[in-house]
Protein backbone atom coordinates (compact mmCIF):
# COMPACT_ATOMS: atom_id res chain seq x y z
CA UNK A 1 86.57 16.54 28.06
CA UNK A 2 90.19 16.73 29.17
CA UNK A 3 90.49 20.14 27.53
CA UNK A 4 87.60 21.43 29.65
CA UNK A 5 88.99 20.04 32.94
CA UNK A 6 92.46 21.55 32.54
CA UNK A 7 91.38 25.23 32.91
CA UNK A 8 89.11 24.32 35.79
CA UNK A 9 92.06 22.75 37.62
CA UNK A 10 94.13 25.91 37.11
CA UNK A 11 91.32 28.01 38.56
CA UNK A 12 91.01 25.63 41.50
CA UNK A 13 94.75 25.87 42.30
CA UNK A 14 94.65 29.69 42.10
CA UNK A 15 91.75 29.81 44.55
CA UNK A 16 93.58 27.58 47.01
CA UNK A 17 96.70 29.77 46.75
CA UNK A 18 94.73 32.95 47.43
CA UNK A 19 93.00 31.44 50.47
CA UNK A 20 96.37 30.31 51.87
CA UNK A 21 97.85 33.79 51.53
CA UNK A 22 94.81 35.39 53.18
CA UNK A 23 95.08 33.03 56.12
CA UNK A 24 98.75 33.87 56.63
CA UNK A 25 97.96 37.61 56.70
CA UNK A 26 95.25 37.26 59.34
CA UNK A 27 97.34 35.07 61.62
CA UNK A 28 100.19 37.47 62.37
CA UNK A 29 102.58 36.68 65.20
CA UNK A 30 102.08 38.57 68.51
CA UNK A 31 104.21 41.72 68.96
CA UNK A 32 107.49 41.33 70.77
CA UNK A 33 107.64 43.37 74.00
CA UNK A 34 111.10 44.28 75.18
CA UNK A 35 111.64 43.94 78.89
CA UNK A 36 112.76 47.15 80.60
CA UNK A 37 115.62 46.69 82.97
CA UNK A 38 114.79 48.02 86.42
CA UNK A 39 117.87 49.08 88.39
CA UNK A 40 118.26 47.39 91.73
CA UNK A 41 117.11 49.49 94.73
CA UNK A 42 119.84 51.38 96.50
CA UNK A 43 119.91 52.86 99.96
CA UNK A 44 120.25 56.44 98.73
CA UNK A 45 119.06 57.21 95.22
CA UNK A 46 120.55 60.40 93.81
CA UNK A 47 117.81 62.87 92.82
CA UNK A 48 118.25 64.83 89.60
CA UNK A 49 119.73 68.21 90.30
CA UNK A 50 117.25 71.03 89.82
CA UNK A 51 118.31 74.49 88.84
CA UNK A 52 118.22 76.65 91.93
CA UNK A 53 116.37 79.90 91.41
CA UNK A 54 118.27 82.76 92.90
CA UNK A 55 116.12 84.80 95.26
CA UNK A 56 116.52 88.43 94.33
CA UNK A 57 115.95 91.16 96.88
CA UNK A 58 113.80 94.07 95.74
CA UNK A 59 116.78 96.34 95.43
CA UNK A 60 120.33 96.60 96.67
CA UNK A 61 121.52 99.65 98.56
CA UNK A 62 123.10 101.16 95.45
CA UNK A 63 119.91 100.74 93.39
CA UNK A 64 117.79 102.17 96.18
CA UNK A 65 119.96 105.23 96.55
CA UNK A 66 119.74 105.81 92.82
CA UNK A 67 115.93 105.62 92.94
CA UNK A 68 115.73 107.94 95.94
CA UNK A 69 116.71 110.80 93.66
CA UNK A 70 113.16 110.75 92.27
CA UNK A 71 111.72 111.34 95.74
CA UNK A 72 114.05 114.26 96.37
CA UNK A 73 113.07 115.66 92.99
CA UNK A 74 109.38 115.52 93.89
CA UNK A 75 110.00 117.89 96.80
CA UNK A 76 111.12 120.53 94.34
CA UNK A 77 107.62 120.70 92.83
CA UNK A 78 105.75 123.83 94.00
CA UNK A 79 102.75 123.69 96.31
CA UNK A 80 99.47 123.96 94.41
CA UNK A 81 96.91 126.54 95.51
CA UNK A 82 94.26 123.85 94.96
CA UNK A 83 95.62 121.78 97.87
CA UNK A 84 93.34 120.97 100.80
CA UNK A 85 96.04 121.31 103.47
CA UNK A 86 98.22 124.30 104.22
CA UNK A 87 101.87 124.87 103.37
CA UNK A 88 102.96 124.68 106.99
CA UNK A 89 101.47 121.20 107.32
CA UNK A 90 103.37 120.14 104.19
CA UNK A 91 106.57 121.63 105.60
CA UNK A 92 106.10 119.53 108.72
CA UNK A 93 105.75 116.37 106.67
CA UNK A 94 108.81 117.32 104.68
CA UNK A 95 110.86 117.71 107.87
CA UNK A 96 109.82 114.21 108.94
CA UNK A 97 110.93 112.70 105.63
CA UNK A 98 109.17 110.29 103.31
CA UNK A 99 109.42 106.56 103.87
CA UNK A 100 110.01 105.15 100.38
CA UNK A 101 108.18 101.86 99.84
CA UNK A 102 108.06 99.41 96.95
CA UNK A 103 104.38 98.57 96.93
CA UNK A 104 101.83 97.65 94.28
CA UNK A 105 99.30 100.40 94.88
CA UNK A 106 97.10 99.12 92.07
CA UNK A 107 96.67 95.82 93.95
CA UNK A 108 95.15 97.75 96.84
CA UNK A 109 92.56 99.20 94.49
CA UNK A 110 91.82 95.75 93.08
CA UNK A 111 91.27 94.51 96.63
CA UNK A 112 88.75 97.31 97.15
CA UNK A 113 86.75 96.12 94.13
CA UNK A 114 86.22 92.60 95.49
CA UNK A 115 86.58 93.21 99.23
CA UNK A 116 84.00 93.87 101.89
CA UNK A 117 82.91 97.28 103.01
CA UNK A 118 85.21 97.34 106.04
CA UNK A 119 88.89 96.56 106.50
CA UNK A 120 90.81 95.82 109.67
CA UNK A 121 94.35 96.42 110.90
CA UNK A 122 95.91 93.40 112.66
CA UNK A 123 95.73 93.76 116.44
CA UNK A 124 99.50 93.26 116.80
CA UNK A 125 99.97 96.55 114.92
CA UNK A 126 97.80 98.55 117.33
CA UNK A 127 100.29 99.03 120.16
CA UNK A 128 101.15 102.54 118.96
CA UNK A 129 99.37 105.13 116.86
CA UNK A 130 102.13 107.32 115.37
CA UNK A 131 101.68 111.08 115.19
CA UNK A 132 102.96 111.58 111.64
CA UNK A 133 103.43 109.25 108.69
CA UNK A 134 104.65 110.06 105.20
CA UNK A 135 105.15 107.63 102.32
CA UNK A 136 106.91 108.19 99.01
CA UNK A 137 105.90 106.43 95.80
CA UNK A 138 108.57 107.46 93.27
CA UNK A 139 107.83 104.79 90.67
CA UNK A 140 104.03 104.60 90.68
CA UNK A 141 102.67 104.25 87.15
CA UNK A 142 99.31 102.56 87.72
CA UNK A 143 96.25 103.79 85.80
CA UNK A 144 94.41 105.14 88.85
CA UNK A 145 97.52 106.52 90.58
CA UNK A 146 99.47 107.67 87.53
CA UNK A 147 100.74 110.83 89.24
CA UNK A 148 100.72 109.72 92.89
CA UNK A 149 103.81 111.02 94.65
CA UNK A 150 103.12 110.89 98.40
CA UNK A 151 100.63 109.55 100.92
CA UNK A 152 100.48 110.95 104.44
CA UNK A 153 98.68 110.60 107.77
CA UNK A 154 98.41 113.12 110.63
CA UNK A 155 96.95 112.05 113.97
CA UNK A 156 94.20 114.35 115.21
CA UNK A 157 92.93 115.06 118.70
CA UNK A 158 89.34 115.06 117.45
CA UNK A 159 87.65 115.13 114.05
CA UNK A 160 86.57 118.29 112.32
CA UNK A 161 83.04 119.53 113.00
CA UNK A 162 82.02 118.81 109.39
CA UNK A 163 83.20 115.20 109.57
CA UNK A 164 81.29 112.15 110.79
CA UNK A 165 81.87 111.87 114.54
CA UNK A 166 83.11 108.34 115.29
CA UNK A 167 84.81 106.98 118.38
CA UNK A 168 88.41 105.91 117.92
CA UNK A 169 91.78 107.28 116.82
CA UNK A 170 91.35 110.02 114.22
CA UNK A 171 93.72 110.62 111.32
CA UNK A 172 93.91 113.00 108.43
CA UNK A 173 94.86 110.77 105.51
CA UNK A 174 95.48 111.88 101.98
CA UNK A 175 97.45 111.76 98.76
CA UNK A 176 99.68 114.20 96.92
CA UNK A 177 99.30 114.16 93.14
CA UNK A 178 101.57 115.94 90.68
CA UNK A 179 99.74 117.41 87.73
CA UNK A 180 99.31 120.67 85.87
CA UNK A 181 99.03 121.94 82.32
CA UNK A 182 102.02 124.27 82.14
CA UNK A 183 103.88 123.27 85.28
CA UNK A 184 103.55 120.24 87.52
CA UNK A 185 102.52 121.10 91.07
CA UNK A 186 101.87 119.00 94.13
CA UNK A 187 98.18 119.00 95.00
CA UNK A 188 97.56 117.62 98.49
CA UNK A 189 94.15 116.01 99.06
CA UNK A 190 92.76 114.89 102.40
CA UNK A 191 90.19 112.55 103.88
CA UNK A 192 89.29 111.57 107.45
CA UNK A 193 89.95 108.06 108.76
CA UNK A 194 89.12 106.55 112.17
CA UNK A 195 90.70 103.43 113.72
CA UNK A 196 88.78 101.44 116.33
CA UNK A 197 91.61 100.55 118.79
CA UNK A 198 89.75 97.50 120.12
CA UNK A 199 89.10 95.77 116.78
CA UNK A 200 91.39 97.56 114.33
CA UNK A 201 88.48 98.48 112.06
CA UNK A 202 89.30 101.30 109.64
CA UNK A 203 86.45 103.61 108.63
CA UNK A 204 86.62 106.38 106.07
CA UNK A 205 84.35 109.06 107.52
CA UNK A 206 81.55 110.77 105.67
CA UNK A 207 81.84 114.52 105.20
CA UNK A 208 79.27 117.28 105.34
CA UNK A 209 79.24 119.73 102.51
CA UNK A 210 77.01 121.98 100.42
CA UNK A 211 74.54 120.55 97.93
CA UNK A 212 72.75 122.64 95.35
CA UNK A 213 69.06 121.85 94.85
CA UNK A 214 67.42 123.15 91.67
CA UNK A 215 63.73 123.95 92.14
CA UNK A 216 61.64 124.93 89.12
CA UNK A 217 59.61 128.12 89.49
CA UNK A 218 55.93 127.55 88.70
CA UNK A 219 54.18 130.71 89.81
CA UNK A 220 54.42 133.87 87.66
CA UNK A 221 55.76 135.83 90.63
CA UNK A 222 58.64 133.38 91.18
CA UNK A 223 59.41 133.28 87.47
CA UNK A 224 59.57 137.05 87.39
CA UNK A 225 61.83 137.13 90.47
CA UNK A 226 64.11 134.08 89.97
CA UNK A 227 63.62 133.00 86.37
CA UNK A 228 62.74 129.49 85.25
CA UNK A 229 64.30 127.93 88.37
CA UNK A 230 65.95 128.81 91.65
CA UNK A 231 68.94 127.24 93.42
CA UNK A 232 68.82 126.45 97.15
CA UNK A 233 72.01 125.32 98.90
CA UNK A 234 71.72 122.84 101.78
CA UNK A 235 74.24 120.96 103.92
CA UNK A 236 74.19 117.18 103.39
CA UNK A 237 76.36 114.17 104.24
CA UNK A 238 78.24 112.50 101.39
CA UNK A 239 81.20 110.25 100.63
CA UNK A 240 84.71 111.69 101.11
CA UNK A 241 85.53 114.35 98.57
CA UNK A 242 88.85 112.66 97.87
CA UNK A 243 86.93 109.68 96.44
CA UNK A 244 85.39 111.89 93.77
CA UNK A 245 88.43 113.72 92.40
CA UNK A 246 89.17 113.46 88.69
CA UNK A 247 92.62 111.98 89.31
CA UNK A 248 91.04 108.54 89.76
CA UNK A 249 90.92 107.99 86.02
CA UNK A 250 89.17 104.62 85.81
CA UNK A 251 85.48 105.45 85.36
CA UNK A 252 84.45 101.87 86.21
CA UNK A 253 85.22 102.51 89.89
CA UNK A 254 82.33 103.88 91.89
CA UNK A 255 82.68 106.24 94.85
CA UNK A 256 81.99 103.28 97.17
CA UNK A 257 84.91 101.38 95.66
CA UNK A 258 87.16 104.42 95.93
CA UNK A 259 86.12 104.94 99.55
CA UNK A 260 87.11 101.35 100.33
CA UNK A 261 90.36 101.92 98.42
CA UNK A 262 91.17 104.86 100.69
CA UNK A 263 90.60 102.71 103.80
CA UNK A 264 92.64 99.81 102.37
CA UNK A 265 95.48 102.12 101.35
CA UNK A 266 95.55 103.59 104.87
CA UNK A 267 95.60 100.09 106.37
CA UNK A 268 98.49 98.95 104.18
CA UNK A 269 100.46 102.15 104.80
CA UNK A 270 99.88 101.85 108.54
CA UNK A 271 101.13 98.26 108.50
CA UNK A 272 104.21 99.21 106.47
CA UNK A 273 105.01 102.00 108.92
CA UNK A 274 104.63 99.78 112.00
CA UNK A 275 106.64 96.97 110.38
CA UNK A 276 109.70 99.24 110.40
CA UNK A 277 110.31 98.15 113.99
CA UNK A 278 111.31 94.70 112.68
CA UNK A 279 113.79 96.07 110.12
CA UNK A 280 116.75 98.37 109.94
CA UNK A 281 115.92 101.96 109.10
CA UNK A 282 118.19 103.89 106.74
CA UNK A 283 117.93 107.68 106.87
CA UNK A 284 119.20 109.50 103.77
CA UNK A 285 119.58 113.29 103.75
CA UNK A 286 120.45 115.68 100.96
CA UNK A 287 120.12 119.47 100.98
CA UNK A 288 118.22 119.38 104.31
CA UNK A 289 115.64 116.95 102.87
CA UNK A 290 115.24 113.58 104.55
CA UNK A 291 114.12 110.25 103.10
CA UNK A 292 114.05 106.84 104.78
CA UNK A 293 113.72 103.23 103.72
CA UNK A 294 113.84 99.86 105.49
CA UNK A 295 116.29 96.97 105.20
CA UNK A 296 115.51 93.43 106.45
CA UNK A 297 117.75 92.57 109.38
CA UNK A 298 119.15 89.35 107.94
CA UNK A 299 119.54 90.73 104.42
CA UNK A 300 121.93 93.52 105.22
CA UNK A 301 124.87 91.72 103.64
CA UNK A 302 123.09 91.64 100.29
CA UNK A 303 121.90 95.24 100.54
CA UNK A 304 125.26 96.66 101.56
CA UNK A 305 127.52 94.49 99.41
CA UNK A 306 127.92 97.21 96.77
CA UNK A 307 129.28 99.60 99.40
CA UNK A 308 131.09 97.16 101.62
CA UNK A 309 134.03 99.35 102.59
CA UNK A 310 134.74 103.04 102.84
CA UNK A 311 137.93 105.01 103.46
CA UNK A 312 138.19 106.95 106.70
CA UNK A 313 140.39 109.95 107.51
CA UNK A 314 143.38 107.72 108.26
CA UNK A 315 143.21 106.04 104.86
CA UNK A 316 142.21 102.64 106.22
CA UNK A 317 139.02 100.86 105.21
CA UNK A 318 136.16 99.88 107.47
CA UNK A 319 133.14 97.80 106.76
CA UNK A 320 129.72 99.38 106.76
CA UNK A 321 127.33 98.18 109.45
CA UNK A 322 126.27 94.53 109.21
CA UNK A 323 124.51 91.93 111.31
CA UNK A 324 126.42 89.12 113.02
CA UNK A 325 124.36 86.10 114.01
CA UNK A 326 124.87 84.34 117.30
CA UNK A 327 127.50 81.61 117.02
CA UNK A 328 129.96 79.49 118.93
CA UNK A 329 133.66 80.06 118.43
CA UNK A 330 136.20 77.31 117.96
CA UNK A 331 137.26 77.84 121.57
CA UNK A 332 133.73 77.02 122.73
CA UNK A 333 132.81 80.60 123.67
CA UNK A 334 129.24 81.61 122.81
CA UNK A 335 128.80 84.95 121.02
CA UNK A 336 125.45 86.71 121.10
CA UNK A 337 123.92 88.31 118.03
CA UNK A 338 125.28 91.81 117.51
CA UNK A 339 126.09 94.39 114.87
CA UNK A 340 129.45 95.67 113.68
CA UNK A 341 130.73 98.39 111.41
CA UNK A 342 130.00 102.02 110.65
CA UNK A 343 126.36 103.13 110.81
CA UNK A 344 126.99 106.60 109.36
CA UNK A 345 128.64 107.20 105.99
CA UNK A 346 128.53 109.37 102.88
CA UNK A 347 127.95 108.15 99.35
CA UNK A 348 127.30 109.96 96.07
CA UNK A 349 126.26 113.20 97.75
CA UNK A 350 123.94 111.49 100.26
CA UNK A 351 124.46 111.29 103.99
CA UNK A 352 123.31 107.86 105.21
CA UNK A 353 122.62 106.74 108.76
CA UNK A 354 121.50 103.23 109.68
CA UNK A 355 119.43 102.60 112.81
CA UNK A 356 118.57 99.18 114.21
CA UNK A 357 115.56 99.32 116.57
CA UNK A 358 116.82 96.14 118.24
CA UNK A 359 120.41 97.20 118.89
CA UNK A 360 120.36 101.04 118.87
CA UNK A 361 117.08 102.58 120.02
CA UNK A 362 113.40 102.42 119.05
CA UNK A 363 112.37 104.57 116.12
CA UNK A 364 110.99 107.87 117.39
CA UNK A 365 108.57 108.12 114.48
CA UNK A 366 106.96 104.90 115.74
CA UNK A 367 107.00 105.65 119.46
CA UNK A 368 105.73 109.23 119.32
CA UNK A 369 101.92 109.13 119.39
CA UNK A 370 101.00 112.72 120.31
CA UNK A 371 97.85 113.99 118.64
CA UNK A 372 97.73 117.27 116.77
CA UNK A 373 95.18 119.88 117.79
CA UNK A 374 93.74 122.89 116.06
CA UNK A 375 94.58 126.37 117.27
CA UNK A 376 90.91 127.37 117.21
CA UNK A 377 90.11 124.62 119.74
CA UNK A 378 92.85 125.79 122.13
CA UNK A 379 93.17 129.57 121.65
CA UNK A 380 94.91 130.13 125.00
CA UNK A 381 97.31 127.18 124.87
CA UNK A 382 100.84 127.44 123.60
CA UNK A 383 102.37 124.83 121.37
CA UNK A 384 104.91 124.28 118.63
CA UNK A 385 104.34 124.13 114.92
CA UNK A 386 104.13 120.82 113.11
CA UNK A 387 107.35 121.72 111.30
CA UNK A 388 109.29 121.99 114.57
CA UNK A 389 107.57 118.91 115.96
CA UNK A 390 108.47 116.80 112.90
CA UNK A 391 112.02 118.17 113.00
CA UNK A 392 112.40 117.00 116.61
CA UNK A 393 111.16 113.51 115.70
CA UNK A 394 113.64 113.22 112.83
CA UNK A 395 116.50 114.61 114.94
CA UNK A 396 115.89 112.17 117.81
CA UNK A 397 115.57 109.25 115.42
CA UNK A 398 118.90 110.03 113.74
CA UNK A 399 120.89 110.52 116.93
């Protein structure tokens, strides 16, 4: 009997040992949480220093002058016989000089895709309606405007007889594209835009043009005379022809979208032209060609830092024109805001002249709002050509 009880006791002790170990595993001690030390509050906690992002201007003066060479080069392209305006009108625009802008033209087309049918110019921009406007786009590489070189606007006394007659200020507005198989030529297109001076609404006018209607010939007599069909030409109203040219390469854009794009482009160009009154205007001439661009008033130091000093005839150096903010001297004397330095200088073959509308004189290209008229409407009146008129505007602005 004792021999039978001994193995049972061993089994009993092993069971007790296993149960004790299992109980110890299930009853683990709670995790130890370390207390985080909170610093005592101070009157002025130092914030971590963040890296300051340097605000970069679009271009310095030196970079702009380098890029202006492209605009001068575009004037060397010959006038295409396929253009919709005459050579003398182009010569007038050339005398005025292109205002070179850094604008995302493709964004204007995107706005036309999602925008409403009409667009409006802000009322604060409607004080003047300039006679001539010319814009240069030397670096445009967007899909729809891959060869866009210039955009222009010419104020008209009244719209053409084959254009929708709307009340307001009439403009000829168009683009100049450079394309050609053997030789690139400037092809100047045109549309008709009207501004409502009371609301600023911009409307791209419909145009009247020929439409060919194909009529099948059913009677034997007509078939014998005309063939299987005859073509009858009628005059109908349609969207602007400029909205249907092949240069707009994106086939997803309808003529309605392109018509809105023309109106939006005119609005943005008009605003850019009027906004020149709040900036300094820099006129650059080379070989009798004139180009302008704008400089923000309070950013002149950054724009002109690359050409801070020049050498005059006496061998001494003078600073190029810059803006001096109003300040109080150590003696207590108050000094009004003013400008100092040379406003006319030469650099790298260019002749540069800086004009501040606030301190020098208003820009003539903004103030002059005379409308152009056609010779056929005034056969007995004498006038000057657009080339002479634009030359006078540029000469008065650069005085």
